[in-house]
Amino acid sequence: SSWLIMDYLRRQGVPEHSRVLEVGCGWGLASIYCAKKFAAKTTGVDMDSAVFPYLELHAELNGVKVDTKRLKFQDLRKKMLSKFDLVIGADICFWDELVDPVYKLIRRAVRAEVQQIIVADPGRPPFLKVCDRCCDKLGGVTKDWELSGSVRASGTLLIVGSLPQAR
């Protein structure tokens, strides 16, 4: 799903030096991409701090810096979210018990005036529930997305809001 986000951002563009938050970042592939491709200031958040050494190693190999924070979705408050232009998340809603926390995170990001939120998933039922709620209540849209080059991937993107056009 990180590949889907990266491909979407490659096509959409991201204004240089945007502030990007990757939630449930794992090894931070999408954060690293945004830092390298768009000179974005990126932060990766995950509740499992054991992933950060891998993220930091891959960031170093790519010549970029990604800040990290150990937090749960519920810990990401409006004040913190307001510091970001773009919030991204890949494969973050795979259990039914994640539907409410992910939806509430997206709602807080909207209320914090984050310009755009993008969440990608292969299309699991809990994610699709989040999509339905976000489309009904937050003006979100979904897009089926597929990559067929050297990396093959397909899934759904949930997009809430939009970034200004990259120059």
Foldseek 3Di string as FASTA:
>chain_A
DLVQVLVVCVVQDDAAQFEEEEEQQQLNPNQLSCCLVRVYAAEYEELDCVRVVNNQVVSVVSVGDYHYDNDDLVPCALVNLLRGQEYEYEPQFQDLVCLVSVLVSVVSNVVSVRQKYKYKYQEHVSVVSSLVCCVVPQVKDKDWTFDDPPDTDTTMMIMGHDHPGYD
